[in-house]
Structure formats: C-alpha cells, structure tokens
C-alpha cells in the first residue's frame, strides 16, 4: 500500500485504526484503478492522503482527518473534535479571468444587499454564489453532482480562480462515487 501506517504497536488493535486503514485502502484502490498516484499516512487518530488521477483529466485529491481532544481532565474523553476534509482540484477550460466562489454565507451576507445581480443556481439558502463566469451550464452541473453535500451543508467552498477549480468538503466519507461523476464532466 502506498499509503503507509504510522501507528504504534498499541494503536493497531484500535477500531479507529482499522477504520482509517479501510478508508485509506478504499481511496488507494480507487486511485490505482484509475492508474493514478497516491501517497500518505494513517494511524488511529488521523490520515493524510494526496493522490493524482490523470484520466480523463488530471485531478488532485487530498483527504485529511485529525482528531483533537479537549485536553481538559474533567471532561469525558469522548468529547473529541474530529476534523475531516477532502479537497479536489483540477485545471479547467474556463478563461483565466473567469472566477466564481460558492461558500456558506456568514451572518452579514444575509443582511447585505448585493447590487450586482448574480445568476440563480439551485443552491440551499445558506450558500452564496459570487463570480463572473459565462458558462453557467458547467457550474450548474457541478452543483447538481454535489447536490447531496450542499443539502447536508458539507461543502466548505467551490472555487474557480486562474482556471483552477477547488472543491473542499467537510465529510468523513471518501465520496468517490461523487468524484467519479466530476471526473467525467469535462470541465
């Protein structure tokens, strides 16, 4: 496996270690099946995977998980914070001066008035779109593919800048079935 274990001997019997190992194996199998490259590490508390898929276009995939404890001795050890993100990046066919960003609204966005009319997409109310793109169909296709992650408020951002599309999602699953749809979108 190109994704290496960095676990201590004691960690290897942990169910968290086994779950992280299985997660990494799933990502690695998917990437190698697509004739891509993958490397990274995992243990019972975290993983960090960087992969590249080249067919039909080049995508970079980054999966990260970190577990943080509160550090407070009076609190239950179950009160840990787990941060899991996945980031997918690719070079697109958009023009260099075109950009857009879809992200969660902050409280000020709810109250502010946007003078410049932005295109209407089928986004949940908690998300905002800003951009100057001309190819609304491609953006609409991306939104449609990521629909479930938008509905669950897992999308942190979808961002196009300098022809590079970056999709960042807070999720503990691989979402490789969703990625596969993006892979063949011809962006």
C-alpha atoms as a PDB file:
ATOM      1  CA  UNK A   1       0.000   0.000   0.000  1.00  0.00           C
ATOM      2  CA  UNK A   2       1.414   3.425  -0.991  1.00  0.00           C
ATOM      3  CA  UNK A   3      -0.362   4.924   1.999  1.00  0.00           C
ATOM      4  CA  UNK A   4       1.760   3.901   4.969  1.00  0.00           C
ATOM      5  CA  UNK A   5       0.782   3.167   8.530  1.00  0.00           C
ATOM      6  CA  UNK A   6       2.438   5.355  11.134  1.00  0.00           C
ATOM      7  CA  UNK A   7       0.659   3.693  14.031  1.00  0.00           C
ATOM      8  CA  UNK A   8       2.292   2.467  17.193  1.00  0.00           C
ATOM      9  CA  UNK A   9       2.039  -1.206  18.053  1.00  0.00           C
ATOM     10  CA  UNK A  10      -0.727  -0.468  20.575  1.00  0.00           C
ATOM     11  CA  UNK A  11      -2.805   1.521  18.067  1.00  0.00           C
ATOM     12  CA  UNK A  12      -3.051  -1.321  15.553  1.00  0.00           C
ATOM     13  CA  UNK A  13      -5.728  -3.140  17.546  1.00  0.00           C
ATOM     14  CA  UNK A  14      -7.884   0.002  17.808  1.00  0.00           C
ATOM     15  CA  UNK A  15     -11.179   0.077  15.868  1.00  0.00           C
ATOM     16  CA  UNK A  16     -10.297   3.670  14.877  1.00  0.00           C
ATOM     17  CA  UNK A  17      -7.053   2.448  13.330  1.00  0.00           C
ATOM     18  CA  UNK A  18      -8.934  -0.272  11.435  1.00  0.00           C
ATOM     19  CA  UNK A  19     -11.489   2.252  10.144  1.00  0.00           C
ATOM     20  CA  UNK A  20      -8.767   4.645   8.998  1.00  0.00           C
ATOM     21  CA  UNK A  21      -6.871   1.784   7.351  1.00  0.00           C
ATOM     22  CA  UNK A  22     -10.021   0.716   5.477  1.00  0.00           C
ATOM     23  CA  UNK A  23     -10.697   4.316   4.405  1.00  0.00           C
ATOM     24  CA  UNK A  24      -7.152   4.694   3.070  1.00  0.00           C
ATOM     25  CA  UNK A  25      -7.333   1.344   1.281  1.00  0.00           C
ATOM     26  CA  UNK A  26     -10.559   2.401  -0.472  1.00  0.00           C
ATOM     27  CA  UNK A  27      -9.011   5.656  -1.691  1.00  0.00           C
ATOM     28  CA  UNK A  28      -5.813   3.910  -2.760  1.00  0.00           C
ATOM     29  CA  UNK A  29      -7.672   1.186  -4.677  1.00  0.00           C
ATOM     30  CA  UNK A  30      -9.791   3.780  -6.472  1.00  0.00           C
ATOM     31  CA  UNK A  31      -6.794   5.906  -7.473  1.00  0.00           C
ATOM     32  CA  UNK A  32      -4.676   2.951  -8.597  1.00  0.00           C
ATOM     33  CA  UNK A  33      -7.642   1.607 -10.579  1.00  0.00           C
ATOM     34  CA  UNK A  34      -7.613   4.937 -12.430  1.00  0.00           C
ATOM     35  CA  UNK A  35      -3.830   4.500 -12.962  1.00  0.00           C
ATOM     36  CA  UNK A  36      -3.078   7.424 -10.663  1.00  0.00           C
ATOM     37  CA  UNK A  37      -0.508   8.081  -7.955  1.00  0.00           C
ATOM     38  CA  UNK A  38      -1.198   8.051  -4.235  1.00  0.00           C
ATOM     39  CA  UNK A  39       0.825   8.505  -1.067  1.00  0.00           C
ATOM     40  CA  UNK A  40       0.154   9.363   2.541  1.00  0.00           C
ATOM     41  CA  UNK A  41      -0.035   8.016   6.063  1.00  0.00           C
ATOM     42  CA  UNK A  42      -2.567   6.977   8.667  1.00  0.00           C
ATOM     43  CA  UNK A  43      -2.855   5.933  12.293  1.00  0.00           C
ATOM     44  CA  UNK A  44      -5.685   5.582  14.807  1.00  0.00           C
ATOM     45  CA  UNK A  45      -6.146   9.351  15.102  1.00  0.00           C
ATOM     46  CA  UNK A  46      -5.605  10.738  11.635  1.00  0.00           C
ATOM     47  CA  UNK A  47      -4.822  10.264   7.985  1.00  0.00           C
ATOM     48  CA  UNK A  48      -3.355  12.420   5.255  1.00  0.00           C
ATOM     49  CA  UNK A  49      -3.655  11.258   1.656  1.00  0.00           C
ATOM     50  CA  UNK A  50      -2.503  13.027  -1.513  1.00  0.00           C
ATOM     51  CA  UNK A  51      -3.410  11.465  -4.836  1.00  0.00           C
ATOM     52  CA  UNK A  52      -3.483  12.326  -8.517  1.00  0.00           C
ATOM     53  CA  UNK A  53      -5.759  10.864 -11.159  1.00  0.00           C
ATOM     54  CA  UNK A  54      -4.876  11.541 -14.802  1.00  0.00           C
ATOM     55  CA  UNK A  55      -7.780  10.100 -16.804  1.00  0.00           C
ATOM     56  CA  UNK A  56      -9.717  11.670 -18.470  1.00  0.00           C
ATOM     57  CA  UNK A  57      -8.223  14.849 -16.990  1.00  0.00           C
ATOM     58  CA  UNK A  58      -5.785  15.473 -14.163  1.00  0.00           C
ATOM     59  CA  UNK A  59      -7.281  15.862 -10.681  1.00  0.00           C
ATOM     60  CA  UNK A  60      -5.516  16.195  -7.348  1.00  0.00           C
ATOM     61  CA  UNK A  61      -7.272  14.653  -4.334  1.00  0.00           C
ATOM     62  CA  UNK A  62      -6.384  15.452  -0.728  1.00  0.00           C
ATOM     63  CA  UNK A  63      -8.001  13.687   2.225  1.00  0.00           C
ATOM     64  CA  UNK A  64      -7.241  14.802   5.779  1.00  0.00           C
ATOM     65  CA  UNK A  65      -8.509  13.723   9.155  1.00  0.00           C
ATOM     66  CA  UNK A  66      -7.343  14.995  12.517  1.00  0.00           C
ATOM     67  CA  UNK A  67      -8.607  14.177  15.978  1.00  0.00           C
ATOM     68  CA  UNK A  68      -8.212  16.764  18.699  1.00  0.00           C
ATOM     69  CA  UNK A  69      -9.013  16.164  22.338  1.00  0.00           C
ATOM     70  CA  UNK A  70     -10.148  18.918  24.635  1.00  0.00           C
ATOM     71  CA  UNK A  71      -7.123  18.483  26.886  1.00  0.00           C
ATOM     72  CA  UNK A  72      -9.325  19.045  29.905  1.00  0.00           C
ATOM     73  CA  UNK A  73      -9.032  16.287  32.526  1.00  0.00           C
ATOM     74  CA  UNK A  74     -12.519  16.877  33.942  1.00  0.00           C
ATOM     75  CA  UNK A  75     -14.240  16.369  30.585  1.00  0.00           C
ATOM     76  CA  UNK A  76     -15.113  12.968  29.198  1.00  0.00           C
ATOM     77  CA  UNK A  77     -12.528  11.647  26.716  1.00  0.00           C
ATOM     78  CA  UNK A  78     -15.364  11.150  24.234  1.00  0.00           C
ATOM     79  CA  UNK A  79     -15.572  14.913  23.813  1.00  0.00           C
ATOM     80  CA  UNK A  80     -13.081  14.965  20.991  1.00  0.00           C
ATOM     81  CA  UNK A  81     -13.229  17.036  17.875  1.00  0.00           C
ATOM     82  CA  UNK A  82     -12.717  15.288  14.578  1.00  0.00           C
ATOM     83  CA  UNK A  83     -11.941  17.368  11.508  1.00  0.00           C
ATOM     84  CA  UNK A  84     -12.230  15.509   8.199  1.00  0.00           C
ATOM     85  CA  UNK A  85     -11.900  17.296   4.891  1.00  0.00           C
ATOM     86  CA  UNK A  86     -11.442  16.332   1.308  1.00  0.00           C
ATOM     87  CA  UNK A  87     -10.187  18.660  -1.370  1.00  0.00           C
ATOM     88  CA  UNK A  88     -10.384  18.027  -5.098  1.00  0.00           C
ATOM     89  CA  UNK A  89      -8.510  20.265  -7.564  1.00  0.00           C
ATOM     90  CA  UNK A  90      -8.260  20.366 -11.354  1.00  0.00           C
ATOM     91  CA  UNK A  91      -7.206  22.698 -14.164  1.00  0.00           C
ATOM     92  CA  UNK A  92     -10.280  23.741 -16.160  1.00  0.00           C
ATOM     93  CA  UNK A  93     -11.142  25.050 -19.601  1.00  0.00           C
ATOM     94  CA  UNK A  94     -12.536  28.296 -18.187  1.00  0.00           C
ATOM     95  CA  UNK A  95     -10.846  31.528 -19.231  1.00  0.00           C
ATOM     96  CA  UNK A  96      -8.094  32.840 -16.978  1.00  0.00           C
ATOM     97  CA  UNK A  97     -10.067  35.958 -15.974  1.00  0.00           C
ATOM     98  CA  UNK A  98     -13.215  34.000 -15.082  1.00  0.00           C
ATOM     99  CA  UNK A  99     -13.836  33.201 -11.433  1.00  0.00           C
ATOM    100  CA  UNK A 100     -16.523  32.104  -9.056  1.00  0.00           C
ATOM    101  CA  UNK A 101     -16.883  31.051  -5.465  1.00  0.00           C
ATOM    102  CA  UNK A 102     -19.692  29.193  -3.757  1.00  0.00           C
ATOM    103  CA  UNK A 103     -19.441  29.153   0.026  1.00  0.00           C
ATOM    104  CA  UNK A 104     -21.515  29.220   3.157  1.00  0.00           C
ATOM    105  CA  UNK A 105     -22.996  32.607   3.906  1.00  0.00           C
ATOM    106  CA  UNK A 106     -21.960  34.450   7.003  1.00  0.00           C
ATOM    107  CA  UNK A 107     -24.438  36.487   9.020  1.00  0.00           C
ATOM    108  CA  UNK A 108     -23.541  39.724   7.207  1.00  0.00           C
ATOM    109  CA  UNK A 109     -24.332  38.149   3.822  1.00  0.00           C
ATOM    110  CA  UNK A 110     -27.898  37.521   4.989  1.00  0.00           C
ATOM    111  CA  UNK A 111     -28.283  41.193   5.862  1.00  0.00           C
ATOM    112  CA  UNK A 112     -26.387  42.777   2.969  1.00  0.00           C
ATOM    113  CA  UNK A 113     -27.844  43.758  -0.361  1.00  0.00           C
ATOM    114  CA  UNK A 114     -25.940  42.749  -3.458  1.00  0.00           C
ATOM    115  CA  UNK A 115     -26.313  45.449  -6.091  1.00  0.00           C
ATOM    116  CA  UNK A 116     -24.776  43.356  -8.878  1.00  0.00           C
ATOM    117  CA  UNK A 117     -27.221  40.637  -9.939  1.00  0.00           C
ATOM    118  CA  UNK A 118     -25.697  37.155  -9.687  1.00  0.00           C
ATOM    119  CA  UNK A 119     -27.019  34.136 -11.594  1.00  0.00           C
ATOM    120  CA  UNK A 120     -29.582  31.987  -9.829  1.00  0.00           C
ATOM    121  CA  UNK A 121     -28.488  28.442  -9.095  1.00  0.00           C
ATOM    122  CA  UNK A 122     -30.324  25.748  -7.204  1.00  0.00           C
ATOM    123  CA  UNK A 123     -28.310  26.267  -4.009  1.00  0.00           C
ATOM    124  CA  UNK A 124     -29.585  25.957  -0.444  1.00  0.00           C
ATOM    125  CA  UNK A 125     -30.233  29.334   1.154  1.00  0.00           C
ATOM    126  CA  UNK A 126     -27.174  29.028   3.393  1.00  0.00           C
ATOM    127  CA  UNK A 127     -24.835  29.252   0.381  1.00  0.00           C
ATOM    128  CA  UNK A 128     -23.878  32.242  -1.707  1.00  0.00           C
ATOM    129  CA  UNK A 129     -22.508  32.486  -5.236  1.00  0.00           C
ATOM    130  CA  UNK A 130     -20.240  35.218  -6.499  1.00  0.00           C
ATOM    131  CA  UNK A 131     -18.495  35.283  -9.847  1.00  0.00           C
ATOM    132  CA  UNK A 132     -18.203  36.458 -13.425  1.00  0.00           C
ATOM    133  CA  UNK A 133     -18.330  33.176 -15.341  1.00  0.00           C
ATOM    134  CA  UNK A 134     -20.099  32.816 -18.670  1.00  0.00           C
ATOM    135  CA  UNK A 135     -20.563  29.024 -18.699  1.00  0.00           C
ATOM    136  CA  UNK A 136     -23.463  28.662 -16.276  1.00  0.00           C
ATOM    137  CA  UNK A 137     -24.229  25.137 -17.513  1.00  0.00           C
ATOM    138  CA  UNK A 138     -20.917  23.714 -16.264  1.00  0.00           C
ATOM    139  CA  UNK A 139     -21.341  25.363 -12.850  1.00  0.00           C
ATOM    140  CA  UNK A 140     -24.916  24.083 -12.690  1.00  0.00           C
ATOM    141  CA  UNK A 141     -23.650  20.552 -13.493  1.00  0.00           C
ATOM    142  CA  UNK A 142     -21.060  20.790 -10.701  1.00  0.00           C
ATOM    143  CA  UNK A 143     -23.742  21.941  -8.261  1.00  0.00           C
ATOM    144  CA  UNK A 144     -26.025  19.117  -9.350  1.00  0.00           C
ATOM    145  CA  UNK A 145     -23.290  16.496  -8.816  1.00  0.00           C
ATOM    146  CA  UNK A 146     -22.508  17.936  -5.365  1.00  0.00           C
ATOM    147  CA  UNK A 147     -26.200  18.335  -4.528  1.00  0.00           C
ATOM    148  CA  UNK A 148     -26.296  15.970  -1.534  1.00  0.00           C
ATOM    149  CA  UNK A 149     -23.214  17.591   0.038  1.00  0.00           C
ATOM    150  CA  UNK A 150     -24.822  21.032  -0.418  1.00  0.00           C
ATOM    151  CA  UNK A 151     -28.073  19.842   1.160  1.00  0.00           C
ATOM    152  CA  UNK A 152     -26.134  18.413   4.138  1.00  0.00           C
ATOM    153  CA  UNK A 153     -24.118  21.677   4.406  1.00  0.00           C
ATOM    154  CA  UNK A 154     -20.839  19.798   3.990  1.00  0.00           C
ATOM    155  CA  UNK A 155     -19.490  21.961   1.161  1.00  0.00           C
ATOM    156  CA  UNK A 156     -16.975  24.425   2.532  1.00  0.00           C
ATOM    157  CA  UNK A 157     -16.306  26.016  -0.836  1.00  0.00           C
ATOM    158  CA  UNK A 158     -16.316  25.507  -4.567  1.00  0.00           C
ATOM    159  CA  UNK A 159     -13.877  27.979  -6.043  1.00  0.00           C
ATOM    160  CA  UNK A 160     -12.602  28.754  -9.534  1.00  0.00           C
ATOM    161  CA  UNK A 161      -9.623  31.084  -9.821  1.00  0.00           C
ATOM    162  CA  UNK A 162      -6.939  31.261 -12.522  1.00  0.00           C
ATOM    163  CA  UNK A 163      -8.562  28.282 -14.287  1.00  0.00           C
ATOM    164  CA  UNK A 164      -8.130  26.047 -11.196  1.00  0.00           C
ATOM    165  CA  UNK A 165     -11.275  24.546  -9.688  1.00  0.00           C
ATOM    166  CA  UNK A 166     -11.059  23.677  -5.985  1.00  0.00           C
ATOM    167  CA  UNK A 167     -13.802  21.782  -4.187  1.00  0.00           C
ATOM    168  CA  UNK A 168     -13.473  21.497  -0.414  1.00  0.00           C
ATOM    169  CA  UNK A 169     -15.889  19.312   1.541  1.00  0.00           C
ATOM    170  CA  UNK A 170     -16.108  18.537   5.260  1.00  0.00           C
ATOM    171  CA  UNK A 171     -17.044  14.861   5.261  1.00  0.00           C
ATOM    172  CA  UNK A 172     -15.829  11.605   6.826  1.00  0.00           C
ATOM    173  CA  UNK A 173     -16.569   9.537   3.714  1.00  0.00           C
ATOM    174  CA  UNK A 174     -14.489   9.177   0.567  1.00  0.00           C
ATOM    175  CA  UNK A 175     -17.317  10.396  -1.716  1.00  0.00           C
ATOM    176  CA  UNK A 176     -15.511   8.632  -4.555  1.00  0.00           C
ATOM    177  CA  UNK A 177     -18.836   7.940  -6.267  1.00  0.00           C
ATOM    178  CA  UNK A 178     -19.422  11.710  -6.398  1.00  0.00           C
ATOM    179  CA  UNK A 179     -15.854  12.365  -7.534  1.00  0.00           C
ATOM    180  CA  UNK A 180     -16.234   9.826 -10.347  1.00  0.00           C
ATOM    181  CA  UNK A 181     -19.114  11.880 -11.771  1.00  0.00           C
ATOM    182  CA  UNK A 182     -16.967  15.026 -11.668  1.00  0.00           C
ATOM    183  CA  UNK A 183     -14.095  13.154 -13.294  1.00  0.00           C
ATOM    184  CA  UNK A 184     -16.080  12.640 -16.474  1.00  0.00           C
ATOM    185  CA  UNK A 185     -17.736  16.069 -16.562  1.00  0.00           C
ATOM    186  CA  UNK A 186     -15.116  17.545 -18.944  1.00  0.00           C
ATOM    187  CA  UNK A 187     -14.710  20.806 -17.061  1.00  0.00           C
END
